[in-house]
Amino acid sequence: MIPIQHYLLLSAVLFFVGVYGFIARKNLLAILISVELMLNAVELNFSVFNRYLFPAHLEGMFFSLFGIAITAAETAIAIAIIINIYRNLNNVDVRHLDKLQG
């Protein structure tokens, strides 16, 4: 059996790569992927803690499935917004979003 520390280290790496991508990137799609990485790290934590703390129960797995469903809905809405921004500005760079104000 793989120790819990390995899973938590993987989850921490995923989360902080997502945070770095969210802060450093200027493209809306790259920012969306970074948010997805952070959410996947959280869902990995749900599954790992459920497996190690309550192996006979499935609450963590259900939370993970619910999180995946919410993430899919969030991604669909975000991509629709990004497509709409692209139609108006012909790019998806965060620095040019102030042109939508007026």
PDB file of N, CA and C in Angstrom:
ATOM      1  N   MET A   1       0.842  -1.188   0.000  1.00  0.00           N
ATOM      2  CA  MET A   1       0.000   0.000   0.000  1.00  0.00           C
ATOM      3  C   MET A   1       0.886   1.250   0.000  1.00  0.00           C
ATOM      4  N   ILE A   2       0.485   2.208  -0.783  1.00  0.00           N
ATOM      5  CA  ILE A   2       1.232   3.469  -0.879  1.00  0.00           C
ATOM      6  C   ILE A   2       0.911   4.322   0.345  1.00  0.00           C
ATOM      7  N   PRO A   3       1.938   4.880   0.999  1.00  0.00           N
ATOM      8  CA  PRO A   3       1.683   5.715   2.184  1.00  0.00           C
ATOM      9  C   PRO A   3       0.908   6.987   1.830  1.00  0.00           C
ATOM     10  N   ILE A   4       0.193   7.498   2.811  1.00  0.00           N
ATOM     11  CA  ILE A   4      -0.642   8.692   2.613  1.00  0.00           C
ATOM     12  C   ILE A   4       0.205   9.918   2.262  1.00  0.00           C
ATOM     13  N   GLN A   5       1.437   9.950   2.732  1.00  0.00           N
ATOM     14  CA  GLN A   5       2.292  11.112   2.470  1.00  0.00           C
ATOM     15  C   GLN A   5       2.547  11.300   0.977  1.00  0.00           C
ATOM     16  N   HIS A   6       2.650  10.201   0.244  1.00  0.00           N
ATOM     17  CA  HIS A   6       2.892  10.315  -1.192  1.00  0.00           C
ATOM     18  C   HIS A   6       1.691  10.947  -1.904  1.00  0.00           C
ATOM     19  N   TYR A   7       0.508  10.536  -1.510  1.00  0.00           N
ATOM     20  CA  TYR A   7      -0.693  11.127  -2.102  1.00  0.00           C
ATOM     21  C   TYR A   7      -0.815  12.609  -1.739  1.00  0.00           C
ATOM     22  N   LEU A   8      -0.531  12.928  -0.495  1.00  0.00           N
ATOM     23  CA  LEU A   8      -0.638  14.323  -0.073  1.00  0.00           C
ATOM     24  C   LEU A   8       0.419  15.190  -0.733  1.00  0.00           C
ATOM     25  N   LEU A   9       1.604  14.628  -0.961  1.00  0.00           N
ATOM     26  CA  LEU A   9       2.640  15.372  -1.676  1.00  0.00           C
ATOM     27  C   LEU A   9       2.215  15.625  -3.116  1.00  0.00           C
ATOM     28  N   LEU A  10       1.661  14.614  -3.769  1.00  0.00           N
ATOM     29  CA  LEU A  10       1.149  14.785  -5.131  1.00  0.00           C
ATOM     30  C   LEU A  10       0.044  15.840  -5.167  1.00  0.00           C
ATOM     31  N   SER A  11      -0.845  15.800  -4.195  1.00  0.00           N
ATOM     32  CA  SER A  11      -1.924  16.773  -4.134  1.00  0.00           C
ATOM     33  C   SER A  11      -1.387  18.184  -3.914  1.00  0.00           C
ATOM     34  N   ALA A  12      -0.402  18.325  -3.047  1.00  0.00           N
ATOM     35  CA  ALA A  12       0.192  19.647  -2.803  1.00  0.00           C
ATOM     36  C   ALA A  12       0.882  20.175  -4.055  1.00  0.00           C
ATOM     37  N   VAL A  13       1.600  19.303  -4.763  1.00  0.00           N
ATOM     38  CA  VAL A  13       2.264  19.728  -5.995  1.00  0.00           C
ATOM     39  C   VAL A  13       1.233  20.173  -7.030  1.00  0.00           C
ATOM     40  N   LEU A  14       0.159  19.386  -7.198  1.00  0.00           N
ATOM     41  CA  LEU A  14      -0.898  19.768  -8.131  1.00  0.00           C
ATOM     42  C   LEU A  14      -1.496  21.117  -7.765  1.00  0.00           C
ATOM     43  N   PHE A  15      -1.770  21.292  -6.470  1.00  0.00           N
ATOM     44  CA  PHE A  15      -2.402  22.537  -6.038  1.00  0.00           C
ATOM     45  C   PHE A  15      -1.494  23.738  -6.284  1.00  0.00           C
ATOM     46  N   PHE A  16      -0.215  23.624  -5.939  1.00  0.00           N
ATOM     47  CA  PHE A  16       0.658  24.776  -6.085  1.00  0.00           C
ATOM     48  C   PHE A  16       1.058  25.042  -7.531  1.00  0.00           C
ATOM     49  N   VAL A  17       1.065  24.014  -8.377  1.00  0.00           N
ATOM     50  CA  VAL A  17       1.243  24.257  -9.809  1.00  0.00           C
ATOM     51  C   VAL A  17       0.032  25.028 -10.341  1.00  0.00           C
ATOM     52  N   GLY A  18      -1.163  24.678  -9.847  1.00  0.00           N
ATOM     53  CA  GLY A  18      -2.361  25.411 -10.232  1.00  0.00           C
ATOM     54  C   GLY A  18      -2.339  26.855  -9.763  1.00  0.00           C
ATOM     55  N   VAL A  19      -1.880  27.073  -8.536  1.00  0.00           N
ATOM     56  CA  VAL A  19      -1.788  28.448  -8.018  1.00  0.00           C
ATOM     57  C   VAL A  19      -0.786  29.262  -8.834  1.00  0.00           C
ATOM     58  N   TYR A  20       0.360  28.652  -9.134  1.00  0.00           N
ATOM     59  CA  TYR A  20       1.359  29.359  -9.939  1.00  0.00           C
ATOM     60  C   TYR A  20       0.805  29.695 -11.327  1.00  0.00           C
ATOM     61  N   GLY A  21       0.139  28.733 -11.952  1.00  0.00           N
ATOM     62  CA  GLY A  21      -0.437  28.978 -13.265  1.00  0.00           C
ATOM     63  C   GLY A  21      -1.507  30.044 -13.235  1.00  0.00           C
ATOM     64  N   PHE A  22      -2.293  30.075 -12.164  1.00  0.00           N
ATOM     65  CA  PHE A  22      -3.338  31.092 -12.040  1.00  0.00           C
ATOM     66  C   PHE A  22      -2.740  32.484 -11.901  1.00  0.00           C
ATOM     67  N   ILE A  23      -1.654  32.589 -11.167  1.00  0.00           N
ATOM     68  CA  ILE A  23      -1.032  33.897 -10.942  1.00  0.00           C
ATOM     69  C   ILE A  23      -0.187  34.332 -12.133  1.00  0.00           C
ATOM     70  N   ALA A  24       0.546  33.408 -12.754  1.00  0.00           N
ATOM     71  CA  ALA A  24       1.538  33.775 -13.757  1.00  0.00           C
ATOM     72  C   ALA A  24       0.974  33.900 -15.170  1.00  0.00           C
ATOM     73  N   ARG A  25      -0.083  33.209 -15.492  1.00  0.00           N
ATOM     74  CA  ARG A  25      -0.584  33.192 -16.866  1.00  0.00           C
ATOM     75  C   ARG A  25      -1.505  34.371 -17.150  1.00  0.00           C
ATOM     76  N   LYS A  26      -1.525  34.762 -18.403  1.00  0.00           N
ATOM     77  CA  LYS A  26      -2.396  35.857 -18.843  1.00  0.00           C
ATOM     78  C   LYS A  26      -3.487  35.381 -19.793  1.00  0.00           C
ATOM     79  N   ASN A  27      -3.424  34.139 -20.228  1.00  0.00           N
ATOM     80  CA  ASN A  27      -4.405  33.569 -21.135  1.00  0.00           C
ATOM     81  C   ASN A  27      -5.546  32.971 -20.310  1.00  0.00           C
ATOM     82  N   LEU A  28      -6.771  33.272 -20.690  1.00  0.00           N
ATOM     83  CA  LEU A  28      -7.916  32.786 -19.915  1.00  0.00           C
ATOM     84  C   LEU A  28      -8.017  31.275 -19.905  1.00  0.00           C
ATOM     85  N   LEU A  29      -7.668  30.612 -20.995  1.00  0.00           N
ATOM     86  CA  LEU A  29      -7.715  29.154 -21.022  1.00  0.00           C
ATOM     87  C   LEU A  29      -6.670  28.547 -20.089  1.00  0.00           C
ATOM     88  N   ALA A  30      -5.483  29.121 -20.028  1.00  0.00           N
ATOM     89  CA  ALA A  30      -4.449  28.631 -19.111  1.00  0.00           C
ATOM     90  C   ALA A  30      -4.872  28.847 -17.662  1.00  0.00           C
ATOM     91  N   ILE A  31      -5.549  29.951 -17.391  1.00  0.00           N
ATOM     92  CA  ILE A  31      -6.053  30.204 -16.047  1.00  0.00           C
ATOM     93  C   ILE A  31      -7.129  29.187 -15.686  1.00  0.00           C
ATOM     94  N   LEU A  32      -7.990  28.867 -16.639  1.00  0.00           N
ATOM     95  CA  LEU A  32      -9.021  27.860 -16.408  1.00  0.00           C
ATOM     96  C   LEU A  32      -8.405  26.492 -16.121  1.00  0.00           C
ATOM     97  N   ILE A  33      -7.381  26.117 -16.857  1.00  0.00           N
ATOM     98  CA  ILE A  33      -6.698  24.846 -16.608  1.00  0.00           C
ATOM     99  C   ILE A  33      -6.051  24.854 -15.228  1.00  0.00           C
ATOM    100  N   SER A  34      -5.525  25.982 -14.808  1.00  0.00           N
ATOM    101  CA  SER A  34      -4.922  26.080 -13.482  1.00  0.00           C
ATOM    102  C   SER A  34      -5.961  25.900 -12.375  1.00  0.00           C
ATOM    103  N   VAL A  35      -7.132  26.472 -12.567  1.00  0.00           N
ATOM    104  CA  VAL A  35      -8.216  26.285 -11.603  1.00  0.00           C
ATOM    105  C   VAL A  35      -8.628  24.814 -11.555  1.00  0.00           C
ATOM    106  N   GLU A  36      -8.650  24.161 -12.710  1.00  0.00           N
ATOM    107  CA  GLU A  36      -8.978  22.736 -12.761  1.00  0.00           C
ATOM    108  C   GLU A  36      -7.947  21.913 -11.998  1.00  0.00           C
ATOM    109  N   LEU A  37      -6.680  22.262 -12.110  1.00  0.00           N
ATOM    110  CA  LEU A  37      -5.645  21.553 -11.356  1.00  0.00           C
ATOM    111  C   LEU A  37      -5.860  21.696  -9.853  1.00  0.00           C
ATOM    112  N   MET A  38      -6.205  22.883  -9.414  1.00  0.00           N
ATOM    113  CA  MET A  38      -6.450  23.091  -7.989  1.00  0.00           C
ATOM    114  C   MET A  38      -7.645  22.281  -7.506  1.00  0.00           C
ATOM    115  N   LEU A  39      -8.704  22.251  -8.295  1.00  0.00           N
ATOM    116  CA  LEU A  39      -9.884  21.475  -7.914  1.00  0.00           C
ATOM    117  C   LEU A  39      -9.596  19.976  -7.916  1.00  0.00           C
ATOM    118  N   ASN A  40      -8.773  19.507  -8.844  1.00  0.00           N
ATOM    119  CA  ASN A  40      -8.399  18.093  -8.853  1.00  0.00           C
ATOM    120  C   ASN A  40      -7.563  17.726  -7.631  1.00  0.00           C
ATOM    121  N   ALA A  41      -6.740  18.640  -7.167  1.00  0.00           N
ATOM    122  CA  ALA A  41      -5.967  18.388  -5.949  1.00  0.00           C
ATOM    123  C   ALA A  41      -6.895  18.231  -4.744  1.00  0.00           C
ATOM    124  N   VAL A  42      -7.917  19.047  -4.676  1.00  0.00           N
ATOM    125  CA  VAL A  42      -8.883  18.949  -3.581  1.00  0.00           C
ATOM    126  C   VAL A  42      -9.643  17.630  -3.655  1.00  0.00           C
ATOM    127  N   GLU A  43     -10.038  17.230  -4.848  1.00  0.00           N
ATOM    128  CA  GLU A  43     -10.767  15.970  -4.995  1.00  0.00           C
ATOM    129  C   GLU A  43      -9.881  14.772  -4.669  1.00  0.00           C
ATOM    130  N   LEU A  44      -8.607  14.861  -4.987  1.00  0.00           N
ATOM    131  CA  LEU A  44      -7.665  13.809  -4.598  1.00  0.00           C
ATOM    132  C   LEU A  44      -7.572  13.713  -3.085  1.00  0.00           C
ATOM    133  N   ASN A  45      -7.553  14.855  -2.407  1.00  0.00           N
ATOM    134  CA  ASN A  45      -7.533  14.842  -0.938  1.00  0.00           C
ATOM    135  C   ASN A  45      -8.789  14.205  -0.357  1.00  0.00           C
ATOM    136  N   PHE A  46      -9.950  14.495  -0.929  1.00  0.00           N
ATOM    137  CA  PHE A  46     -11.189  13.857  -0.472  1.00  0.00           C
ATOM    138  C   PHE A  46     -11.070  12.338  -0.538  1.00  0.00           C
ATOM    139  N   SER A  47     -10.604  11.841  -1.665  1.00  0.00           N
ATOM    140  CA  SER A  47     -10.506  10.396  -1.848  1.00  0.00           C
ATOM    141  C   SER A  47      -9.468   9.769  -0.923  1.00  0.00           C
ATOM    142  N   VAL A  48      -8.323  10.418  -0.788  1.00  0.00           N
ATOM    143  CA  VAL A  48      -7.251   9.860   0.047  1.00  0.00           C
ATOM    144  C   VAL A  48      -7.654   9.832   1.509  1.00  0.00           C
ATOM    145  N   PHE A  49      -8.193  10.923   2.008  1.00  0.00           N
ATOM    146  CA  PHE A  49      -8.581  10.930   3.414  1.00  0.00           C
ATOM    147  C   PHE A  49      -9.718   9.958   3.683  1.00  0.00           C
ATOM    148  N   ASN A  50     -10.623   9.793   2.762  1.00  0.00           N
ATOM    149  CA  ASN A  50     -11.668   8.798   2.935  1.00  0.00           C
ATOM    150  C   ASN A  50     -11.069   7.396   2.988  1.00  0.00           C
ATOM    151  N   ARG A  51     -10.142   7.109   2.103  1.00  0.00           N
ATOM    152  CA  ARG A  51      -9.541   5.775   2.036  1.00  0.00           C
ATOM    153  C   ARG A  51      -8.765   5.434   3.298  1.00  0.00           C
ATOM    154  N   TYR A  52      -8.040   6.405   3.861  1.00  0.00           N
ATOM    155  CA  TYR A  52      -7.195   6.121   5.009  1.00  0.00           C
ATOM    156  C   TYR A  52      -7.912   6.292   6.346  1.00  0.00           C
ATOM    157  N   LEU A  53      -8.873   7.174   6.430  1.00  0.00           N
ATOM    158  CA  LEU A  53      -9.549   7.396   7.708  1.00  0.00           C
ATOM    159  C   LEU A  53     -10.784   6.519   7.880  1.00  0.00           C
ATOM    160  N   PHE A  54     -11.566   6.377   6.820  1.00  0.00           N
ATOM    161  CA  PHE A  54     -12.810   5.599   6.887  1.00  0.00           C
ATOM    162  C   PHE A  54     -12.882   4.640   5.700  1.00  0.00           C
ATOM    163  N   PRO A  55     -12.092   3.565   5.701  1.00  0.00           N
ATOM    164  CA  PRO A  55     -12.033   2.696   4.517  1.00  0.00           C
ATOM    165  C   PRO A  55     -13.337   1.962   4.210  1.00  0.00           C
ATOM    166  N   ALA A  56     -14.205   1.797   5.184  1.00  0.00           N
ATOM    167  CA  ALA A  56     -15.455   1.072   4.941  1.00  0.00           C
ATOM    168  C   ALA A  56     -16.555   1.972   4.374  1.00  0.00           C
ATOM    169  N   HIS A  57     -16.360   3.283   4.437  1.00  0.00           N
ATOM    170  CA  HIS A  57     -17.388   4.224   3.983  1.00  0.00           C
ATOM    171  C   HIS A  57     -16.965   4.861   2.661  1.00  0.00           C
ATOM    172  N   LEU A  58     -17.937   5.450   1.984  1.00  0.00           N
ATOM    173  CA  LEU A  58     -17.672   6.030   0.667  1.00  0.00           C
ATOM    174  C   LEU A  58     -17.980   7.525   0.590  1.00  0.00           C
ATOM    175  N   GLU A  59     -18.046   8.206   1.715  1.00  0.00           N
ATOM    176  CA  GLU A  59     -18.404   9.624   1.680  1.00  0.00           C
ATOM    177  C   GLU A  59     -17.397  10.456   0.887  1.00  0.00           C
ATOM    178  N   GLY A  60     -16.117  10.190   1.070  1.00  0.00           N
ATOM    179  CA  GLY A  60     -15.094  10.935   0.336  1.00  0.00           C
ATOM    180  C   GLY A  60     -15.189  10.719  -1.160  1.00  0.00           C
ATOM    181  N   MET A  61     -15.528   9.500  -1.548  1.00  0.00           N
ATOM    182  CA  MET A  61     -15.690   9.214  -2.971  1.00  0.00           C
ATOM    183  C   MET A  61     -16.897   9.958  -3.547  1.00  0.00           C
ATOM    184  N   PHE A  62     -17.972  10.023  -2.761  1.00  0.00           N
ATOM    185  CA  PHE A  62     -19.145  10.761  -3.221  1.00  0.00           C
ATOM    186  C   PHE A  62     -18.857  12.252  -3.313  1.00  0.00           C
ATOM    187  N   PHE A  63     -18.099  12.783  -2.341  1.00  0.00           N
ATOM    188  CA  PHE A  63     -17.699  14.189  -2.425  1.00  0.00           C
ATOM    189  C   PHE A  63     -16.855  14.429  -3.673  1.00  0.00           C
ATOM    190  N   SER A  64     -15.968  13.484  -3.982  1.00  0.00           N
ATOM    191  CA  SER A  64     -15.139  13.625  -5.184  1.00  0.00           C
ATOM    192  C   SER A  64     -15.991  13.602  -6.443  1.00  0.00           C
ATOM    193  N   LEU A  65     -16.936  12.687  -6.520  1.00  0.00           N
ATOM    194  CA  LEU A  65     -17.817  12.638  -7.695  1.00  0.00           C
ATOM    195  C   LEU A  65     -18.656  13.908  -7.825  1.00  0.00           C
ATOM    196  N   PHE A  66     -19.153  14.411  -6.696  1.00  0.00           N
ATOM    197  CA  PHE A  66     -19.904  15.661  -6.713  1.00  0.00           C
ATOM    198  C   PHE A  66     -19.004  16.813  -7.164  1.00  0.00           C
ATOM    199  N   GLY A  67     -17.762  16.819  -6.673  1.00  0.00           N
ATOM    200  CA  GLY A  67     -16.811  17.850  -7.088  1.00  0.00           C
ATOM    201  C   GLY A  67     -16.489  17.783  -8.564  1.00  0.00           C
ATOM    202  N   ILE A  68     -16.380  16.571  -9.112  1.00  0.00           N
ATOM    203  CA  ILE A  68     -16.125  16.413 -10.534  1.00  0.00           C
ATOM    204  C   ILE A  68     -17.309  16.941 -11.349  1.00  0.00           C
ATOM    205  N   ALA A  69     -18.521  16.677 -10.878  1.00  0.00           N
ATOM    206  CA  ALA A  69     -19.710  17.180 -11.583  1.00  0.00           C
ATOM    207  C   ALA A  69     -19.755  18.709 -11.554  1.00  0.00           C
ATOM    208  N   ILE A  70     -19.469  19.294 -10.413  1.00  0.00           N
ATOM    209  CA  ILE A  70     -19.441  20.760 -10.298  1.00  0.00           C
ATOM    210  C   ILE A  70     -18.341  21.338 -11.182  1.00  0.00           C
ATOM    211  N   THR A  71     -17.186  20.676 -11.206  1.00  0.00           N
ATOM    212  CA  THR A  71     -16.072  21.136 -12.031  1.00  0.00           C
ATOM    213  C   THR A  71     -16.425  21.092 -13.516  1.00  0.00           C
ATOM    214  N   ALA A  72     -17.118  20.043 -13.926  1.00  0.00           N
ATOM    215  CA  ALA A  72     -17.526  19.946 -15.333  1.00  0.00           C
ATOM    216  C   ALA A  72     -18.494  21.067 -15.702  1.00  0.00           C
ATOM    217  N   ALA A  73     -19.436  21.361 -14.819  1.00  0.00           N
ATOM    218  CA  ALA A  73     -20.380  22.453 -15.084  1.00  0.00           C
ATOM    219  C   ALA A  73     -19.656  23.799 -15.120  1.00  0.00           C
ATOM    220  N   GLU A  74     -18.744  23.987 -14.199  1.00  0.00           N
ATOM    221  CA  GLU A  74     -17.982  25.241 -14.150  1.00  0.00           C
ATOM    222  C   GLU A  74     -17.138  25.405 -15.408  1.00  0.00           C
ATOM    223  N   THR A  75     -16.553  24.325 -15.879  1.00  0.00           N
ATOM    224  CA  THR A  75     -15.735  24.385 -17.084  1.00  0.00           C
ATOM    225  C   THR A  75     -16.580  24.724 -18.312  1.00  0.00           C
ATOM    226  N   ALA A  76     -17.741  24.116 -18.419  1.00  0.00           N
ATOM    227  CA  ALA A  76     -18.611  24.399 -19.560  1.00  0.00           C
ATOM    228  C   ALA A  76     -19.031  25.862 -19.584  1.00  0.00           C
ATOM    229  N   ILE A  77     -19.382  26.403 -18.439  1.00  0.00           N
ATOM    230  CA  ILE A  77     -19.784  27.809 -18.372  1.00  0.00           C
ATOM    231  C   ILE A  77     -18.602  28.725 -18.662  1.00  0.00           C
ATOM    232  N   ALA A  78     -17.432  28.399 -18.110  1.00  0.00           N
ATOM    233  CA  ALA A  78     -16.251  29.227 -18.329  1.00  0.00           C
ATOM    234  C   ALA A  78     -15.824  29.217 -19.791  1.00  0.00           C
ATOM    235  N   ILE A  79     -15.888  28.065 -20.435  1.00  0.00           N
ATOM    236  CA  ILE A  79     -15.522  28.009 -21.852  1.00  0.00           C
ATOM    237  C   ILE A  79     -16.519  28.802 -22.699  1.00  0.00           C
ATOM    238  N   ALA A  80     -17.800  28.759 -22.341  1.00  0.00           N
ATOM    239  CA  ALA A  80     -18.789  29.566 -23.059  1.00  0.00           C
ATOM    240  C   ALA A  80     -18.489  31.054 -22.903  1.00  0.00           C
ATOM    241  N   ILE A  81     -18.117  31.474 -21.709  1.00  0.00           N
ATOM    242  CA  ILE A  81     -17.761  32.884 -21.488  1.00  0.00           C
ATOM    243  C   ILE A  81     -16.509  33.251 -22.270  1.00  0.00           C
ATOM    244  N   ILE A  82     -15.509  32.359 -22.271  1.00  0.00           N
ATOM    245  CA  ILE A  82     -14.262  32.633 -22.994  1.00  0.00           C
ATOM    246  C   ILE A  82     -14.522  32.726 -24.496  1.00  0.00           C
ATOM    247  N   ILE A  83     -15.382  31.872 -25.036  1.00  0.00           N
ATOM    248  CA  ILE A  83     -15.720  31.944 -26.455  1.00  0.00           C
ATOM    249  C   ILE A  83     -16.410  33.264 -26.771  1.00  0.00           C
ATOM    250  N   ASN A  84     -17.288  33.712 -25.897  1.00  0.00           N
ATOM    251  CA  ASN A  84     -17.969  34.988 -26.094  1.00  0.00           C
ATOM    252  C   ASN A  84     -16.977  36.152 -26.047  1.00  0.00           C
ATOM    253  N   ILE A  85     -16.025  36.096 -25.139  1.00  0.00           N
ATOM    254  CA  ILE A  85     -14.993  37.135 -25.075  1.00  0.00           C
ATOM    255  C   ILE A  85     -14.157  37.119 -26.346  1.00  0.00           C
ATOM    256  N   TYR A  86     -13.817  35.923 -26.823  1.00  0.00           N
ATOM    257  CA  TYR A  86     -13.017  35.827 -28.049  1.00  0.00           C
ATOM    258  C   TYR A  86     -13.762  36.407 -29.253  1.00  0.00           C
ATOM    259  N   ARG A  87     -15.055  36.200 -29.320  1.00  0.00           N
ATOM    260  CA  ARG A  87     -15.842  36.753 -30.425  1.00  0.00           C
ATOM    261  C   ARG A  87     -15.852  38.276 -30.403  1.00  0.00           C
ATOM    262  N   ASN A  88     -15.805  38.855 -29.220  1.00  0.00           N
ATOM    263  CA  ASN A  88     -15.827  40.317 -29.114  1.00  0.00           C
ATOM    264  C   ASN A  88     -14.455  40.952 -29.277  1.00  0.00           C
ATOM    265  N   LEU A  89     -13.398  40.295 -28.774  1.00  0.00           N
ATOM    266  CA  LEU A  89     -12.069  40.914 -28.760  1.00  0.00           C
ATOM    267  C   LEU A  89     -11.053  40.268 -29.690  1.00  0.00           C
ATOM    268  N   ASN A  90     -11.342  39.092 -30.203  1.00  0.00           N
ATOM    269  CA  ASN A  90     -10.423  38.312 -31.045  1.00  0.00           C
ATOM    270  C   ASN A  90      -9.159  37.876 -30.322  1.00  0.00           C
ATOM    271  N   ASN A  91      -9.162  37.850 -29.020  1.00  0.00           N
ATOM    272  CA  ASN A  91      -8.109  37.228 -28.224  1.00  0.00           C
ATOM    273  C   ASN A  91      -8.666  36.906 -26.833  1.00  0.00           C
ATOM    274  N   VAL A  92      -7.930  36.105 -26.090  1.00  0.00           N
ATOM    275  CA  VAL A  92      -8.378  35.711 -24.747  1.00  0.00           C
ATOM    276  C   VAL A  92      -7.325  36.088 -23.704  1.00  0.00           C
ATOM    277  N   ASP A  93      -6.683  37.206 -23.926  1.00  0.00           N
ATOM    278  CA  ASP A  93      -5.674  37.694 -22.996  1.00  0.00           C
ATOM    279  C   ASP A  93      -6.339  38.517 -21.902  1.00  0.00           C
ATOM    280  N   VAL A  94      -5.933  38.279 -20.672  1.00  0.00           N
ATOM    281  CA  VAL A  94      -6.544  38.967 -19.527  1.00  0.00           C
ATOM    282  C   VAL A  94      -6.287  40.473 -19.568  1.00  0.00           C
ATOM    283  N   ARG A  95      -5.156  40.867 -20.127  1.00  0.00           N
ATOM    284  CA  ARG A  95      -4.804  42.287 -20.145  1.00  0.00           C
ATOM    285  C   ARG A  95      -5.731  43.125 -21.026  1.00  0.00           C
ATOM    286  N   HIS A  96      -6.459  42.479 -21.936  1.00  0.00           N
ATOM    287  CA  HIS A  96      -7.324  43.207 -22.855  1.00  0.00           C
ATOM    288  C   HIS A  96      -8.809  43.165 -22.443  1.00  0.00           C
ATOM    289  N   LEU A  97      -9.100  42.637 -21.295  1.00  0.00           N
ATOM    290  CA  LEU A  97     -10.515  42.535 -20.874  1.00  0.00           C
ATOM    291  C   LEU A  97     -11.116  43.873 -20.503  1.00  0.00           C
ATOM    292  N   ASP A  98     -10.305  44.890 -20.237  1.00  0.00           N
ATOM    293  CA  ASP A  98     -10.860  46.199 -19.894  1.00  0.00           C
ATOM    294  C   ASP A  98     -11.536  46.849 -21.109  1.00  0.00           C
ATOM    295  N   LYS A  99     -11.289  46.369 -22.312  1.00  0.00           N
ATOM    296  CA  LYS A  99     -11.944  46.889 -23.507  1.00  0.00           C
ATOM    297  C   LYS A  99     -13.403  46.505 -23.581  1.00  0.00           C
ATOM    298  N   LEU A 100     -13.845  45.555 -22.765  1.00  0.00           N
ATOM    299  CA  LEU A 100     -15.247  45.133 -22.749  1.00  0.00           C
ATOM    300  C   LEU A 100     -16.134  46.110 -21.990  1.00  0.00           C
ATOM    301  N   GLN A 101     -15.561  47.031 -21.253  1.00  0.00           N
ATOM    302  CA  GLN A 101     -16.347  47.923 -20.402  1.00  0.00           C
ATOM    303  C   GLN A 101     -17.223  48.893 -21.186  1.00  0.00           C
ATOM    304  N   GLY A 102     -16.780  49.313 -22.293  1.00  0.00           N
ATOM    305  CA  GLY A 102     -17.449  50.393 -22.825  1.00  0.00           C
ATOM    306  C   GLY A 102     -18.241  50.513 -23.982  1.00  0.00           C
TER     307      GLY A 102
END
